[in-house]
Protein backbone atom coordinates (compact mmCIF):
# COMPACT_ATOMS: atom_id res chain seq x y z
CA MET A 1 0.00 0.00 0.00
CA ALA A 2 3.04 2.26 0.09
CA THR A 3 2.57 3.04 -3.61
CA ARG A 4 -0.39 5.25 -2.81
CA GLY A 5 0.32 8.90 -2.34
CA GLY A 6 2.84 11.18 -4.03
CA GLY A 7 5.13 8.44 -5.32
CA GLY A 8 2.44 6.91 -7.52
CA SER A 9 1.96 10.06 -9.58
CA ALA A 10 5.73 10.38 -10.17
CA ILE A 11 5.79 6.82 -11.52
CA ALA A 12 2.76 7.54 -13.71
CA ALA A 13 4.42 10.70 -15.06
CA ALA A 14 7.56 8.70 -15.91
CA ALA A 15 5.44 6.08 -17.70
CA VAL A 16 3.68 8.79 -19.73
CA ALA A 17 7.05 10.31 -20.67
CA GLU A 18 8.24 6.89 -21.84
CA LEU A 19 5.07 6.38 -23.87
CA GLN A 20 5.46 9.77 -25.56
CA GLN A 21 8.95 8.85 -26.75
CA MET A 22 7.78 5.63 -28.43
CA SER A 23 7.07 5.23 -32.13
CA VAL A 24 3.56 4.58 -33.41
CA GLU A 25 4.34 0.87 -33.90
CA GLN A 26 5.70 0.57 -30.37
CA LEU A 27 2.63 2.35 -28.96
CA ARG A 28 0.32 -0.02 -30.83
CA ALA A 29 2.24 -3.01 -29.48
CA VAL A 30 2.18 -1.64 -25.90
CA LYS A 31 -1.54 -0.89 -26.08
CA GLU A 32 -2.30 -4.33 -27.51
CA GLN A 33 -0.18 -6.05 -24.85
CA VAL A 34 -1.68 -4.09 -21.96
CA ASP A 35 -5.22 -4.64 -23.27
CA LEU A 36 -4.50 -8.37 -23.37
CA GLU A 37 -3.20 -8.25 -19.78
CA VAL A 38 -6.32 -6.36 -18.65
CA ASN A 39 -8.53 -9.03 -20.25
CA LEU A 40 -6.57 -11.81 -18.52
CA ILE A 41 -6.90 -10.01 -15.19
CA GLN A 42 -10.66 -9.64 -15.78
CA ASP A 43 -10.88 -13.40 -16.38
CA SER A 44 -8.96 -14.00 -13.15
CA LEU A 45 -11.30 -11.65 -11.28
CA ASN A 46 -14.30 -13.59 -12.59
CA ASN A 47 -12.71 -16.88 -11.50
CA ILE A 48 -12.02 -15.47 -8.03
CA ARG A 49 -15.63 -14.26 -7.76
CA THR A 50 -16.89 -17.72 -8.75
CA ALA A 51 -14.61 -19.48 -6.26
CA THR A 52 -15.61 -17.08 -3.48
CA THR A 53 -19.29 -17.71 -4.18
CA ARG A 54 -18.74 -21.48 -4.09
CA LEU A 55 -16.89 -21.23 -0.77
CA GLU A 56 -19.61 -19.01 0.71
CA LEU A 57 -22.21 -21.58 -0.36
CA ALA A 58 -20.09 -24.36 1.18
CA SER A 59 -19.76 -22.40 4.41
CA GLY A 60 -23.54 -21.93 4.50
CA ALA A 61 -24.04 -25.64 3.85
CA LEU A 62 -21.70 -26.47 6.74
CA HIS A 63 -23.75 -24.23 9.02
CA ASP A 64 -27.00 -25.88 7.88
CA LEU A 65 -25.45 -29.31 8.38
CA SER A 66 -24.29 -28.43 11.90
CA VAL A 67 -27.84 -27.65 13.08
CA ARG A 68 -29.41 -30.84 11.69
CA PRO A 69 -30.10 -33.63 14.18
CA GLN A 70 -28.16 -36.87 13.88
CA GLY A 71 -30.04 -39.63 12.00
CA LYS A 72 -32.01 -37.09 9.94
CA MET A 73 -32.84 -38.11 6.36
CA MET A 74 -31.38 -35.81 3.71
CA LEU A 75 -30.38 -35.63 0.05
CA VAL A 76 -26.63 -35.98 -0.53
CA PRO A 77 -25.21 -34.33 -3.67
CA LEU A 78 -23.04 -36.64 -5.80
CA THR A 79 -22.79 -34.11 -8.65
CA PRO A 80 -24.33 -30.65 -9.07
CA SER A 81 -27.46 -32.27 -10.54
CA LEU A 82 -27.54 -35.75 -8.94
CA TYR A 83 -28.67 -36.29 -5.34
CA VAL A 84 -29.19 -39.54 -3.45
CA PRO A 85 -31.05 -40.09 -0.17
CA GLY A 86 -28.93 -40.58 2.94
CA THR A 87 -28.93 -40.16 6.71
CA LEU A 88 -26.74 -37.86 8.75
CA ASP A 89 -24.42 -40.07 10.82
CA ASP A 90 -21.96 -37.65 12.44
CA ALA A 91 -22.48 -33.91 11.92
CA ASP A 92 -19.20 -33.03 13.63
CA LYS A 93 -16.97 -34.61 10.94
CA VAL A 94 -16.82 -33.28 7.38
CA LEU A 95 -14.69 -33.95 4.30
CA VAL A 96 -13.04 -30.82 2.92
CA ASP A 97 -12.03 -30.74 -0.76
CA VAL A 98 -8.52 -29.23 -0.75
CA GLY A 99 -8.10 -29.49 -4.53
CA THR A 100 -6.98 -31.91 -7.22
CA GLY A 101 -9.22 -34.66 -5.88
CA TYR A 102 -7.84 -34.65 -2.32
CA PHE A 103 -10.17 -34.57 0.67
CA ILE A 104 -9.27 -34.10 4.33
CA GLU A 105 -11.48 -35.08 7.24
CA LYS A 106 -11.95 -32.16 9.61
CA THR A 107 -14.24 -31.24 12.46
CA MET A 108 -17.15 -28.95 11.68
CA ALA A 109 -15.36 -25.99 13.29
CA GLU A 110 -12.17 -26.68 11.32
CA GLY A 111 -14.19 -26.96 8.10
CA LYS A 112 -15.89 -23.62 8.72
CA ASP A 113 -12.53 -22.05 9.58
CA TYR A 114 -10.99 -23.46 6.38
CA CYS A 115 -13.78 -21.95 4.28
CA GLN A 116 -13.48 -18.58 6.00
CA ARG A 117 -9.69 -18.45 5.57
CA LYS A 118 -10.02 -19.30 1.86
CA ILE A 119 -12.73 -16.66 1.42
CA ASN A 120 -10.53 -14.04 3.10
CA LEU A 121 -7.56 -15.02 0.93
CA LEU A 122 -9.63 -14.80 -2.26
CA LYS A 123 -11.06 -11.41 -1.27
CA SER A 124 -7.55 -10.12 -0.57
CA ASN A 125 -6.33 -11.40 -3.95
CA TYR A 126 -9.38 -9.86 -5.60
CA ASP A 127 -8.65 -6.44 -4.10
CA GLN A 128 -5.01 -6.62 -5.23
CA LEU A 129 -6.01 -7.62 -8.76
CA ILE A 130 -8.51 -4.75 -8.93
CA GLU A 131 -5.66 -2.32 -8.22
CA VAL A 132 -3.42 -3.93 -10.85
CA ALA A 133 -6.25 -3.91 -13.41
CA ALA A 134 -6.91 -0.21 -12.77
CA LYS A 135 -3.22 0.64 -13.28
CA LYS A 136 -3.02 -1.44 -16.46
CA LYS A 137 -6.24 0.11 -17.79
CA SER A 138 -4.84 3.57 -17.12
CA ILE A 139 -1.65 2.71 -19.03
CA ALA A 140 -3.69 1.33 -21.95
CA ASP A 141 -5.86 4.46 -22.03
CA GLU A 142 -2.82 6.73 -21.91
CA ALA A 143 -1.10 4.76 -24.70
CA GLY A 144 -4.30 5.00 -26.77
CA MET A 145 -4.51 8.77 -26.33
CA ILE A 146 -0.84 9.30 -27.18
CA LEU A 147 -1.25 7.00 -30.19
CA GLN A 148 -4.20 9.04 -31.46
CA VAL A 149 -2.25 12.29 -31.08
CA LYS A 150 0.73 10.84 -32.98
CA LEU A 151 -1.49 9.48 -35.74
CA LYS A 152 -3.12 12.92 -36.15
CA GLN A 153 0.32 14.51 -36.38
CA LEU A 154 1.38 12.00 -39.05
CA SER A 155 -1.76 12.33 -41.17
CA PRO A 156 -1.61 15.01 -43.87
CA SER A 157 -3.67 18.04 -42.97
CA SER A 158 -6.34 19.04 -45.44
């Protein structure tokens, strides 16, 4: 967070000065590259939002599971669209999917804590990516404006 404040504008001014010294071809390449990076960051932001939503749903499901009485009949999801009937045997033990097909048995409290830590991590990453995307977008916009000015200067006046 130390980049906020007076130092950030000095860096931005230096970047603008560099962009102004570039040729039209270099500016086009920079703008194209930065636009591509912004699109990739947007895809990452969408993936983080999706993962956060899934974890929030899982956390809610853990809470609902913790208040159900033992021996209660319920539908158990095998896939997102396939459920089978089952009974709740032990509500204090849950299997947590830690990725790539690995599951770890945890207590209910540990499962909820795992979900909350992952949600916090994803939200932190999301906030950082938002800042990076804004900076990249600003560079792309600046490169586009400078490119337009240079193209106007190169075009014959009528």
